[in-house]
N, C-alpha and C. Protein backbone atom coordinates (compact mmCIF):
# COMPACT_ATOMS: atom_id res chain seq x y z
N MET A 1 49.02 -50.74 70.04
CA MET A 1 48.72 -52.35 69.51
C MET A 1 47.57 -51.94 68.80
N ASP A 2 47.35 -52.45 67.69
CA ASP A 2 46.07 -52.46 67.31
C ASP A 2 45.40 -54.03 67.67
N THR A 3 43.99 -53.91 67.80
CA THR A 3 43.53 -55.16 67.61
C THR A 3 42.41 -55.25 66.59
N ILE A 4 42.13 -56.73 66.66
CA ILE A 4 40.85 -56.36 65.57
C ILE A 4 39.75 -58.23 66.48
N ASP A 5 39.29 -58.12 65.88
CA ASP A 5 37.89 -59.04 66.66
C ASP A 5 37.54 -59.70 65.34
N VAL A 6 38.04 -61.49 65.54
CA VAL A 6 37.42 -62.40 64.57
C VAL A 6 36.58 -63.56 65.12
N ARG A 7 36.04 -63.17 66.34
CA ARG A 7 34.60 -63.63 66.77
C ARG A 7 34.19 -64.46 65.43
N GLY A 8 33.62 -65.87 65.85
CA GLY A 8 32.74 -65.59 65.01
C GLY A 8 32.45 -66.23 63.80
N LEU A 9 33.95 -65.22 62.30
CA LEU A 9 33.96 -65.71 61.54
C LEU A 9 34.24 -67.37 61.23
N SER A 10 34.27 -68.01 59.84
CA SER A 10 34.89 -68.82 59.43
C SER A 10 35.88 -68.36 58.45
N CYS A 11 36.92 -69.00 59.10
CA CYS A 11 38.23 -69.51 57.97
C CYS A 11 37.72 -69.95 56.16
N PRO A 12 38.44 -68.55 55.54
CA PRO A 12 39.75 -68.12 56.12
C PRO A 12 39.74 -66.99 56.33
N ILE A 13 38.16 -66.09 55.87
CA ILE A 13 38.16 -64.59 56.52
C ILE A 13 38.84 -64.22 57.94
N PRO A 14 39.59 -65.41 59.43
CA PRO A 14 39.82 -64.33 60.32
C PRO A 14 41.59 -64.63 59.64
N VAL A 15 42.34 -65.24 58.33
CA VAL A 15 43.27 -65.47 58.29
C VAL A 15 43.77 -63.94 57.64
N LEU A 16 41.99 -63.50 56.13
CA LEU A 16 42.44 -63.14 55.33
C LEU A 16 42.27 -61.67 56.50
N LYS A 17 41.63 -61.06 57.56
CA LYS A 17 41.59 -60.49 57.92
C LYS A 17 42.23 -59.96 59.09
N THR A 18 43.16 -61.24 60.24
CA THR A 18 44.72 -60.65 60.65
C THR A 18 45.54 -61.04 59.37
N GLN A 19 45.80 -61.54 58.07
CA GLN A 19 47.37 -60.24 56.96
C GLN A 19 46.89 -58.79 57.66
N LYS A 20 45.46 -58.99 56.39
CA LYS A 20 45.24 -57.30 56.37
C LYS A 20 45.46 -56.35 57.56
N ALA A 21 46.06 -56.53 58.55
CA ALA A 21 45.38 -55.71 59.99
C ALA A 21 47.00 -55.91 59.47
N LEU A 22 47.69 -56.82 59.55
CA LEU A 22 49.28 -57.35 60.00
C LEU A 22 50.44 -56.43 59.44
N ALA A 23 49.62 -56.05 57.89
CA ALA A 23 50.14 -55.51 56.95
C ALA A 23 50.75 -54.03 57.09
N LYS A 24 48.87 -53.55 57.93
CA LYS A 24 49.25 -52.18 58.71
C LYS A 24 50.05 -51.79 59.75
N SER A 25 50.22 -52.77 60.18
CA SER A 25 50.51 -52.46 62.17
C SER A 25 51.19 -52.24 62.50
N SER A 26 51.87 -51.31 63.54
CA SER A 26 53.27 -50.73 63.41
C SER A 26 54.58 -51.75 63.54
N GLY A 27 54.00 -53.09 64.41
CA GLY A 27 54.28 -54.06 64.49
C GLY A 27 54.02 -55.36 65.68
N GLU A 28 52.93 -54.46 66.41
CA GLU A 28 52.01 -55.48 66.99
C GLU A 28 50.47 -55.15 66.89
N LEU A 29 50.16 -56.77 66.73
CA LEU A 29 48.51 -56.94 66.47
C LEU A 29 48.18 -57.65 67.70
N GLU A 30 46.92 -57.74 67.79
CA GLU A 30 46.00 -58.62 68.62
C GLU A 30 45.02 -58.62 68.33
N VAL A 31 44.36 -60.10 68.07
CA VAL A 31 43.46 -60.60 67.96
C VAL A 31 43.00 -61.96 68.43
N ILE A 32 41.22 -61.38 68.35
CA ILE A 32 40.48 -61.87 69.40
C ILE A 32 39.54 -63.32 69.03
N GLY A 33 39.49 -64.62 69.17
CA GLY A 33 38.72 -64.82 68.08
C GLY A 33 38.19 -66.09 68.67
N SER A 34 37.29 -67.79 67.80
CA SER A 34 36.59 -68.10 69.10
C SER A 34 37.25 -68.81 67.53
N GLY A 35 37.31 -70.25 68.52
CA GLY A 35 37.14 -71.76 66.82
C GLY A 35 38.34 -72.15 67.75
N ASN A 36 38.17 -73.10 67.18
CA ASN A 36 39.83 -74.12 67.33
C ASN A 36 41.06 -74.22 65.79
N VAL A 37 39.76 -74.70 64.42
CA VAL A 37 40.02 -73.77 63.09
C VAL A 37 40.52 -72.78 62.99
N SER A 38 39.98 -71.46 63.65
CA SER A 38 40.51 -69.93 63.22
C SER A 38 42.16 -70.60 63.75
N LYS A 39 41.80 -70.03 65.48
CA LYS A 39 42.64 -70.39 65.69
C LYS A 39 44.21 -71.16 65.39
N GLU A 40 44.11 -72.09 64.95
CA GLU A 40 45.30 -73.19 64.40
C GLU A 40 45.62 -72.30 63.15
N ASN A 41 44.49 -71.63 62.60
CA ASN A 41 45.20 -70.71 61.15
C ASN A 41 45.43 -69.94 61.06
N VAL A 42 45.52 -68.91 62.12
CA VAL A 42 45.89 -67.56 62.53
C VAL A 42 46.71 -68.26 62.33
N THR A 43 47.36 -68.62 63.63
CA THR A 43 49.05 -68.56 64.19
C THR A 43 49.45 -69.71 63.31
N LYS A 44 48.84 -70.52 62.10
CA LYS A 44 50.26 -70.93 61.24
C LYS A 44 50.17 -70.07 60.26
N PHE A 45 49.47 -69.20 60.24
CA PHE A 45 49.35 -67.63 58.89
C PHE A 45 50.89 -66.81 59.35
N ALA A 46 50.57 -66.28 60.87
CA ALA A 46 51.14 -65.16 61.34
C ALA A 46 53.14 -66.01 61.56
N LEU A 47 53.47 -67.61 62.16
CA LEU A 47 54.11 -67.96 61.81
C LEU A 47 55.73 -67.89 60.41
N SER A 48 54.35 -68.11 60.14
CA SER A 48 54.75 -68.52 58.14
C SER A 48 54.74 -67.25 58.02
N GLN A 49 55.28 -65.51 58.62
CA GLN A 49 55.61 -65.15 58.24
C GLN A 49 56.31 -63.99 59.34
N GLY A 50 56.88 -65.35 59.82
CA GLY A 50 58.53 -64.90 60.55
C GLY A 50 58.06 -64.38 61.99
N CYS A 51 56.08 -64.22 62.95
CA CYS A 51 56.35 -63.78 63.02
C CYS A 51 56.32 -63.81 65.12
N GLN A 52 56.89 -63.94 66.28
CA GLN A 52 56.18 -64.07 67.25
C GLN A 52 55.05 -64.16 68.53
N VAL A 53 54.34 -65.67 68.26
CA VAL A 53 52.55 -65.64 68.53
C VAL A 53 52.64 -66.67 69.83
N ASN A 54 52.01 -65.00 70.60
CA ASN A 54 50.98 -65.73 72.08
C ASN A 54 50.36 -65.13 72.26
N PHE A 55 49.59 -66.18 73.60
CA PHE A 55 48.87 -66.09 73.41
C PHE A 55 48.38 -65.56 75.20
N SER A 56 46.70 -64.73 75.17
CA SER A 56 47.41 -64.26 77.02
C SER A 56 45.33 -64.74 77.20
N THR A 57 44.33 -65.28 76.77
CA THR A 57 43.55 -66.35 76.89
C THR A 57 43.22 -67.36 75.96
N GLU A 58 43.35 -68.18 76.09
CA GLU A 58 43.19 -69.22 75.20
C GLU A 58 42.17 -70.59 75.91
N ASN A 59 40.66 -69.96 75.68
CA ASN A 59 39.56 -71.39 76.61
C ASN A 59 39.01 -72.13 75.36
N PRO A 60 38.35 -73.16 75.06
CA PRO A 60 37.45 -73.68 74.06
C PRO A 60 36.33 -72.96 73.43
N ASP A 61 36.47 -71.89 73.56
CA ASP A 61 35.19 -71.13 73.91
C ASP A 61 35.92 -69.92 72.96
N GLU A 62 37.22 -69.08 73.16
CA GLU A 62 37.46 -68.05 72.55
C GLU A 62 38.81 -68.12 73.31
N TRP A 63 39.61 -67.08 72.64
CA TRP A 63 40.58 -67.16 72.85
C TRP A 63 42.00 -65.07 71.74
N THR A 64 43.14 -65.13 72.79
CA THR A 64 43.61 -63.72 72.09
C THR A 64 44.83 -64.27 72.01
N MET A 65 45.40 -63.35 71.38
CA MET A 65 46.76 -63.76 70.99
C MET A 65 47.38 -62.62 70.57
N GLN A 66 48.92 -62.83 70.60
CA GLN A 66 49.40 -61.38 70.88
C GLN A 66 50.41 -61.58 68.97
N ILE A 67 50.61 -61.46 68.55
CA ILE A 67 51.49 -61.41 67.43
C ILE A 67 51.90 -60.12 66.96
N THR A 68 53.92 -60.52 67.30
CA THR A 68 54.86 -59.30 66.76
C THR A 68 55.72 -59.73 66.15
N LYS A 69 55.52 -58.97 64.57
CA LYS A 69 56.20 -58.70 63.86
C LYS A 69 57.80 -58.70 63.79
N PRO A 70 58.89 -60.17 62.93
CA PRO A 70 60.15 -59.68 63.38
C PRO A 70 60.66 -58.08 63.10
N LYS A 71 61.96 -57.59 63.14
CA LYS A 71 62.33 -56.61 63.57
C LYS A 71 63.32 -56.54 62.10
C-alpha cells in the first residue's frame, strides 16, 4: 500500500495529490491529512471514482484514510 502525507496542505492540493497517487497505485492508497475540509474533499473525490474509503484514524486534528480502487 502506498502512503501520501497531505497534512497542512490547503485544498485543492490534497485532492490533486490523492488523484495523482491513486492513478499510480496498485489498488490501495493510504492518505494522512489534517483539517475537515481536506478530509471531506478527498473523501468525495475517492467516492466519485468508485473507490471504497475507510478511516483508521479520525479526530479533529488529523485523519488517516485507506482508499481502495474498484476491481
